[in-house]
Amino acid sequence: MRVAFVLGTTSGGTGRHVGMLVEGLVRRGHQVVVAGPPSVGHAFRYAATGARFTPIPVSDRPHPVNDARAVAAIRRIARGADVVHAHGLRAGALAGLTGTRTPLIVTLHNALTAGGFVGAVHAALERVVANRAHTVLVVSPDLGERMRALGARRVQAAVVPAPVLRPAHRPPAEVRAELDAGQRPILLTIARLAQQKGLETLLDVSAAPLPRSPLFVVAGDGPLRAGLQTRIERERLPVVLLGNRDDIPDLLAAADAVLWPSRWEGQPLSLSEALAAGRPVIATEVGGIPGLLGGAGVLVPYGDVGAMRRAVHEVLEEPGEAARLAEAAVRRGAELPRADDAVEAVVGVYLSSAGVED
């Protein structure tokens, strides 16, 4: 098949997910073109897989001139493809506006957690995707319900594979020394420092005394870093912002537990990595997290500081609780789909959308 991928600005899971699909499709003999911003092509090196990369100006915010150029470019690409697979709401809506008869598949990786003008634009893009896409793939049940309510013809769960966990290169003691953790437990959060991730809740949890005075460690960067750092310093919170890191396996091996305080998540790859590493998980009951955990972790309501603090207390103090959660994490990590599962699933969607019998 001839498959055209379209994606917008991304620096994380969406780009990695597309790269996994592209590599698997090329390996199976399919012809693949990837269209996206030049920065995305450079960051994820899609051309190195044997796919063709075409730069187009898909930004994360409306831009009339660039959007018109992107629609025209996608239209040209779509005419030479059997299916177009757009990733993300903006890319999906732009692909939907091309007016071509090439079947359009859209994978929605995120939900909006803001209102106002941004929320209104988001809702308009959702309607375009629901009306124009042949199939909408979603990473969480709530996204699926939203698309069905808007009239989407066909909605399916996206198969998001767990990444292969890289081995740790440093012993936990060395990582603990770098963090100056001493004998304190390490509670690790892996997140972009953005509104969706609920990091204000994390700081609230850290502000009150907890057993054994844990150190909260956050790996990731983003637009909220300065504000978070100001509060950490002002209140002398036991929180360290590490910025972006390429040694996540080392940090996981050193962590006593991982915390996800997010307002919303789909199926974060870093959470899959935490399961594979056998770390006890405490996370908010939002989006795709409950389905991803499959019972292997403690779920708390978003924004409930008391519930998260109680969960941390139990993991650190209740006999056997951390070991129980660690064992459950390993079992769940082994059950998660792999890259081949995701590629086979999406090929089935392509064949069905293009009217080809498998």
Protein backbone atom coordinates (compact mmCIF):
# COMPACT_ATOMS: atom_id res chain seq x y z
CA MET A 1 0.00 0.00 0.00
CA ARG A 2 0.91 3.64 -0.40
CA VAL A 3 0.49 5.35 2.98
CA ALA A 4 0.82 9.08 3.64
CA PHE A 5 1.35 10.20 7.23
CA VAL A 6 0.60 13.78 8.28
CA LEU A 7 1.59 15.21 11.65
CA GLY A 8 2.15 18.56 13.27
CA THR A 9 4.63 19.88 15.78
CA THR A 10 5.62 17.25 18.32
CA SER A 11 8.61 16.51 20.48
CA GLY A 12 7.47 13.36 22.23
CA GLY A 13 5.16 10.37 22.14
CA THR A 14 3.28 11.22 18.94
CA GLY A 15 6.47 11.51 16.94
CA ARG A 16 7.81 8.27 18.38
CA HIS A 17 4.54 6.48 17.66
CA VAL A 18 4.56 7.60 14.03
CA GLY A 19 8.20 6.53 13.71
CA MET A 20 7.33 3.05 14.96
CA LEU A 21 4.50 2.72 12.43
CA VAL A 22 6.62 4.06 9.58
CA GLU A 23 9.46 1.67 10.29
CA GLY A 24 7.12 -1.31 10.51
CA LEU A 25 5.29 -0.44 7.31
CA VAL A 26 8.48 0.11 5.31
CA ARG A 27 9.86 -3.18 6.61
CA ARG A 28 6.73 -4.91 5.31
CA GLY A 29 7.21 -3.43 1.83
CA HIS A 30 4.69 -0.59 1.92
CA GLN A 31 5.47 2.78 0.32
CA VAL A 32 5.41 5.52 2.94
CA VAL A 33 5.62 9.30 2.81
CA VAL A 34 5.64 11.42 5.97
CA ALA A 35 4.55 15.07 5.83
CA GLY A 36 5.21 17.40 8.73
CA PRO A 37 7.19 20.40 9.97
CA PRO A 38 10.93 20.29 9.13
CA SER A 39 11.78 20.19 12.85
CA VAL A 40 9.80 16.96 13.24
CA GLY A 41 11.53 15.32 10.30
CA HIS A 42 14.90 16.27 11.76
CA ALA A 43 14.05 15.13 15.29
CA PHE A 44 12.61 11.73 14.39
CA ARG A 45 14.61 10.95 11.22
CA TYR A 46 11.76 9.30 9.35
CA ALA A 47 13.75 9.30 6.11
CA ALA A 48 16.31 7.00 7.72
CA THR A 49 13.67 4.23 7.77
CA GLY A 50 13.31 4.32 3.98
CA ALA A 51 10.24 6.57 3.96
CA ARG A 52 10.12 9.84 2.03
CA PHE A 53 9.80 12.97 4.17
CA THR A 54 8.04 16.08 2.83
CA PRO A 55 8.19 19.29 4.90
CA ILE A 56 4.87 21.12 5.33
CA PRO A 57 4.00 24.05 7.64
CA VAL A 58 1.69 22.42 10.20
CA SER A 59 1.98 24.47 13.39
CA ASP A 60 0.38 24.01 16.79
CA ARG A 61 -1.70 27.19 16.40
CA PRO A 62 -3.95 28.54 13.61
CA HIS A 63 -2.02 30.41 10.89
CA PRO A 64 -4.17 31.20 7.82
CA VAL A 65 -1.34 31.41 5.29
CA ASN A 66 0.60 28.38 6.53
CA ASP A 67 -2.58 26.38 7.00
CA ALA A 68 -3.63 27.05 3.39
CA ARG A 69 -0.20 25.96 2.19
CA ALA A 70 -0.36 22.84 4.33
CA VAL A 71 -3.80 21.89 2.97
CA ALA A 72 -2.54 22.30 -0.60
CA ALA A 73 0.56 20.19 0.12
CA ILE A 74 -1.47 17.45 1.83
CA ARG A 75 -3.89 17.44 -1.12
CA ARG A 76 -1.02 16.75 -3.53
CA ILE A 77 0.35 13.98 -1.32
CA ALA A 78 -3.08 12.40 -0.80
CA ARG A 79 -3.67 12.01 -4.52
CA GLY A 80 -0.77 9.58 -4.72
CA ALA A 81 -1.74 7.56 -1.65
CA ASP A 82 -4.14 4.72 -0.89
CA VAL A 83 -4.77 6.12 2.59
CA VAL A 84 -3.81 9.23 4.55
CA HIS A 85 -3.10 8.75 8.26
CA ALA A 86 -3.02 12.01 10.22
CA HIS A 87 -1.83 12.17 13.80
CA GLY A 88 -3.18 14.86 16.09
CA LEU A 89 -6.24 17.08 15.85
CA ARG A 90 -4.66 19.93 13.86
CA ALA A 91 -3.08 17.61 11.30
CA GLY A 92 -6.31 15.62 11.06
CA ALA A 93 -8.45 18.70 10.46
CA LEU A 94 -6.08 20.08 7.80
CA ALA A 95 -6.06 16.72 6.06
CA GLY A 96 -9.86 16.67 6.26
CA LEU A 97 -10.07 20.01 4.48
CA THR A 98 -8.25 18.77 1.36
CA GLY A 99 -11.43 17.50 -0.25
CA THR A 100 -9.73 14.43 -1.74
CA ARG A 101 -11.43 11.06 -1.97
CA THR A 102 -8.46 9.27 -0.42
CA PRO A 103 -9.62 7.60 2.82
CA LEU A 104 -8.53 9.58 5.88
CA ILE A 105 -7.55 7.93 9.16
CA VAL A 106 -6.99 10.25 12.13
CA THR A 107 -5.36 9.21 15.39
CA LEU A 108 -6.20 11.51 18.28
CA HIS A 109 -3.40 11.48 20.86
CA ASN A 110 -4.53 14.27 23.17
CA ALA A 111 -7.54 15.98 24.72
CA LEU A 112 -7.90 19.67 25.45
CA THR A 113 -7.80 20.74 29.09
CA ALA A 114 -8.23 24.50 28.51
CA GLY A 115 -11.24 26.62 27.62
CA GLY A 116 -11.84 30.06 26.12
CA PHE A 117 -10.77 30.84 22.56
CA VAL A 118 -8.40 27.88 22.45
CA GLY A 119 -11.23 25.58 23.49
CA ALA A 120 -13.52 27.00 20.79
CA VAL A 121 -10.91 26.43 18.09
CA HIS A 122 -10.32 22.91 19.40
CA ALA A 123 -14.05 22.15 19.21
CA ALA A 124 -14.22 23.39 15.62
CA LEU A 125 -11.30 21.16 14.62
CA GLU A 126 -12.98 18.20 16.33
CA ARG A 127 -16.08 18.69 14.20
CA VAL A 128 -13.99 18.73 11.02
CA VAL A 129 -12.29 15.46 11.98
CA ALA A 130 -15.56 13.80 13.02
CA ASN A 131 -17.20 14.77 9.71
CA ARG A 132 -14.33 14.09 7.31
CA ALA A 133 -12.41 11.09 8.67
CA HIS A 134 -13.25 7.59 7.52
CA THR A 135 -11.91 6.20 10.83
CA VAL A 136 -10.90 7.95 14.05
CA LEU A 137 -8.46 6.07 16.27
CA VAL A 138 -8.41 7.18 19.90
CA VAL A 139 -6.00 6.59 22.77
CA SER A 140 -8.63 6.81 25.52
CA PRO A 141 -12.33 6.00 25.95
CA ASP A 142 -13.34 9.61 26.60
CA LEU A 143 -11.93 10.72 23.24
CA GLY A 144 -13.95 7.98 21.58
CA GLU A 145 -17.15 9.10 23.31
CA ARG A 146 -16.49 12.65 22.21
CA MET A 147 -16.00 11.67 18.56
CA ARG A 148 -19.11 9.49 18.51
CA ALA A 149 -21.17 12.32 19.99
CA LEU A 150 -19.93 14.55 17.16
CA GLY A 151 -21.07 12.04 14.56
CA ALA A 152 -17.85 10.27 13.59
CA ARG A 153 -18.65 7.33 11.31
CA ARG A 154 -16.17 4.87 12.72
CA VAL A 155 -14.26 5.08 16.00
CA GLN A 156 -11.76 2.50 17.21
CA ALA A 157 -9.23 2.21 19.99
CA ALA A 158 -5.70 2.92 18.82
CA VAL A 159 -3.14 0.22 19.58
CA VAL A 160 -0.29 2.03 21.30
CA PRO A 161 2.65 -0.32 21.86
CA ALA A 162 4.91 -0.25 24.86
CA PRO A 163 8.45 0.80 23.95
CA VAL A 164 11.26 -1.64 24.57
CA LEU A 165 12.80 -0.56 27.86
CA ARG A 166 16.44 0.33 27.44
CA PRO A 167 18.78 -1.07 30.07
CA ALA A 168 20.02 1.19 32.85
CA HIS A 169 23.67 2.15 32.47
CA ARG A 170 24.34 3.38 36.00
CA PRO A 171 23.66 1.71 39.32
CA PRO A 172 20.88 3.26 41.45
CA ALA A 173 23.41 4.32 44.08
CA GLU A 174 25.18 6.51 41.53
CA VAL A 175 21.92 8.13 40.45
CA ARG A 176 20.90 8.71 44.06
CA ALA A 177 24.24 10.36 44.74
CA GLU A 178 23.80 12.66 41.74
CA LEU A 179 20.39 13.69 43.07
CA ASP A 180 21.74 14.10 46.62
CA ALA A 181 18.88 11.91 47.81
CA GLY A 182 20.71 10.42 50.76
CA GLN A 183 18.46 7.80 52.38
CA ARG A 184 15.24 9.45 51.24
CA PRO A 185 12.87 7.63 48.89
CA ILE A 186 12.78 8.97 45.33
CA LEU A 187 9.36 9.65 43.80
CA LEU A 188 9.80 10.12 40.06
CA THR A 189 7.54 11.98 37.62
CA ILE A 190 8.24 11.97 33.89
CA ALA A 191 6.34 14.79 32.23
CA ARG A 192 6.45 17.81 30.02
CA LEU A 193 6.16 20.87 32.25
CA ALA A 194 2.83 21.94 30.81
CA GLN A 195 -0.71 22.63 32.05
CA GLN A 196 -2.04 19.18 31.11
CA LYS A 197 0.37 17.40 33.45
CA GLY A 198 -1.12 18.64 36.73
CA LEU A 199 2.24 19.45 38.29
CA GLU A 200 0.73 21.96 40.69
CA THR A 201 -0.87 18.96 42.41
CA LEU A 202 2.54 17.32 42.68
CA LEU A 203 3.93 20.41 44.42
CA ASP A 204 0.93 20.46 46.76
CA VAL A 205 1.60 16.81 47.68
CA SER A 206 5.25 17.59 48.37
CA ALA A 207 4.41 20.57 50.58
CA ALA A 208 3.15 18.55 53.57
CA PRO A 209 5.24 16.15 55.66
CA LEU A 210 5.41 12.55 54.41
CA PRO A 211 7.05 9.42 55.85
CA ARG A 212 10.82 9.31 55.35
CA SER A 213 10.79 12.78 53.72
CA PRO A 214 10.81 11.66 50.06
CA LEU A 215 12.51 13.58 47.27
CA PHE A 216 10.23 14.39 44.33
CA VAL A 217 12.14 14.27 41.05
CA VAL A 218 10.65 15.55 37.79
CA ALA A 219 12.24 14.65 34.44
CA GLY A 220 11.08 16.87 31.59
CA ASP A 221 10.95 20.48 30.46
CA GLY A 222 8.34 22.87 29.21
CA PRO A 223 6.73 26.32 29.44
CA LEU A 224 5.83 26.10 33.15
CA ARG A 225 9.36 25.47 34.37
CA ALA A 226 10.12 28.99 35.58
CA GLY A 227 6.88 29.26 37.56
CA LEU A 228 7.29 25.83 39.12
CA GLN A 229 10.90 26.56 40.07
CA THR A 230 9.90 29.86 41.67
CA ARG A 231 7.36 28.13 43.88
CA ILE A 232 9.80 25.32 44.76
CA GLU A 233 12.37 27.84 45.91
CA ARG A 234 9.87 30.11 47.68
CA GLU A 235 8.32 27.27 49.68
CA ARG A 236 11.51 25.20 49.94
CA LEU A 237 9.76 22.17 48.54
CA PRO A 238 11.64 18.84 48.25
CA VAL A 239 11.27 18.85 44.47
CA VAL A 240 14.03 18.75 41.83
CA LEU A 241 13.32 19.73 38.21
CA LEU A 242 15.86 17.86 36.12
CA GLY A 243 14.89 19.11 32.67
CA ASN A 244 14.92 16.77 29.71
CA ARG A 245 16.89 13.60 30.32
CA ASP A 246 18.15 10.79 28.11
CA ASP A 247 18.75 8.44 31.07
CA ILE A 248 15.15 7.61 31.98
CA PRO A 249 15.98 3.91 32.57
CA ASP A 250 18.60 4.96 35.13
CA LEU A 251 16.09 7.21 36.91
CA LEU A 252 13.44 4.50 36.91
CA ALA A 253 15.85 1.98 38.40
CA ALA A 254 16.63 4.40 41.23
CA ALA A 255 13.00 5.43 41.92
CA ASP A 256 10.97 3.95 44.76
CA ALA A 257 7.74 4.83 42.94
CA VAL A 258 6.50 6.89 40.00
CA LEU A 259 3.77 9.54 40.21
CA TRP A 260 1.45 10.74 37.42
CA PRO A 261 -0.60 13.75 38.65
CA SER A 262 -1.95 14.59 35.16
CA ARG A 263 -5.18 16.38 34.31
CA TRP A 264 -5.41 14.09 31.29
CA GLU A 265 -3.32 11.47 29.52
CA GLY A 266 -3.76 9.11 26.62
CA GLN A 267 -1.42 6.15 26.87
CA PRO A 268 1.91 7.76 27.82
CA LEU A 269 4.91 5.78 26.65
CA SER A 270 6.83 6.77 29.76
CA LEU A 271 4.17 5.11 31.91
CA SER A 272 4.56 1.92 29.87
CA GLU A 273 8.30 2.15 30.51
CA ALA A 274 7.66 2.50 34.24
CA LEU A 275 5.54 -0.65 34.20
CA ALA A 276 8.21 -2.57 32.30
CA ALA A 277 10.76 -1.39 34.86
CA GLY A 278 8.61 -2.76 37.68
CA ARG A 279 8.08 0.54 39.48
CA PRO A 280 5.08 1.06 41.79
CA VAL A 281 2.71 3.49 40.07
CA ILE A 282 0.43 6.14 41.58
CA ALA A 283 -1.55 7.97 38.91
CA THR A 284 -4.67 10.03 38.33
CA GLU A 285 -7.76 8.25 37.06
CA VAL A 286 -8.03 10.18 33.79
CA GLY A 287 -8.10 9.46 30.06
CA GLY A 288 -6.36 6.27 29.02
CA ILE A 289 -4.43 5.71 32.25
CA PRO A 290 -6.84 3.21 33.87
CA GLY A 291 -6.88 1.04 30.76
CA LEU A 292 -3.12 1.21 30.39
CA LEU A 293 -2.51 0.24 34.02
CA GLY A 294 -5.05 -2.57 33.95
CA GLY A 295 -5.16 -2.65 37.76
CA ALA A 296 -1.38 -2.51 38.16
CA GLY A 297 -1.16 0.69 40.17
CA VAL A 298 -3.01 3.04 42.52
CA LEU A 299 -5.52 5.38 40.89
CA VAL A 300 -6.56 8.67 42.52
CA PRO A 301 -8.91 11.43 41.33
CA TYR A 302 -7.24 14.30 39.49
CA GLY A 303 -6.45 17.21 41.80
CA ASP A 304 -7.13 15.25 45.00
CA VAL A 305 -4.00 16.09 46.97
CA GLY A 306 -5.13 14.14 50.01
CA ALA A 307 -5.76 10.97 48.02
CA MET A 308 -2.36 11.15 46.37
CA ARG A 309 -0.63 11.81 49.68
CA ARG A 310 -2.40 8.81 51.23
CA ALA A 311 -1.32 6.63 48.31
CA VAL A 312 2.30 7.77 48.70
CA HIS A 313 2.11 7.11 52.45
CA GLU A 314 0.89 3.54 51.87
CA VAL A 315 3.56 2.77 49.27
CA LEU A 316 6.31 4.05 51.56
CA GLU A 317 5.00 2.67 54.86
CA GLU A 318 2.58 -0.24 54.44
CA PRO A 319 4.43 -3.59 54.63
CA GLY A 320 4.53 -5.30 51.25
CA GLU A 321 2.60 -2.59 49.36
CA ALA A 322 5.53 -1.44 47.23
CA ALA A 323 6.50 -5.03 46.44
CA ARG A 324 2.91 -5.89 45.49
CA LEU A 325 2.67 -2.93 43.13
CA ALA A 326 6.08 -3.66 41.63
CA GLU A 327 5.08 -7.25 40.86
CA ALA A 328 1.79 -6.08 39.33
CA ALA A 329 3.69 -3.56 37.19
CA VAL A 330 5.99 -6.22 35.77
CA ARG A 331 3.03 -8.47 34.92
CA ARG A 332 1.15 -5.64 33.24
CA GLY A 333 4.22 -4.49 31.35
CA ALA A 334 4.57 -7.97 29.85
CA GLU A 335 0.93 -7.88 28.69
CA LEU A 336 1.11 -4.60 26.79
CA PRO A 337 1.07 -4.68 22.97
CA ARG A 338 4.32 -4.47 21.03
CA ALA A 339 5.27 -2.65 17.85
CA ASP A 340 4.29 -5.53 15.55
CA ASP A 341 0.83 -5.63 17.16
CA ALA A 342 0.33 -1.92 16.46
CA VAL A 343 1.50 -2.16 12.85
CA GLU A 344 -0.71 -5.18 12.12
CA ALA A 345 -3.70 -3.40 13.66
CA VAL A 346 -3.23 -0.25 11.63
CA VAL A 347 -2.71 -2.18 8.39
CA GLY A 348 -6.10 -3.79 9.02
CA VAL A 349 -7.64 -0.32 9.37
CA TYR A 350 -5.98 0.81 6.14
CA LEU A 351 -7.22 -2.20 4.18
CA SER A 352 -10.73 -1.78 5.49
CA SER A 353 -10.75 1.96 4.77
CA ALA A 354 -9.43 1.48 1.24
CA GLY A 355 -11.99 -1.24 0.54
CA VAL A 356 -9.37 -3.97 0.20
CA GLU A 357 -9.97 -7.45 1.57
CA ASP A 358 -7.16 -8.64 3.84
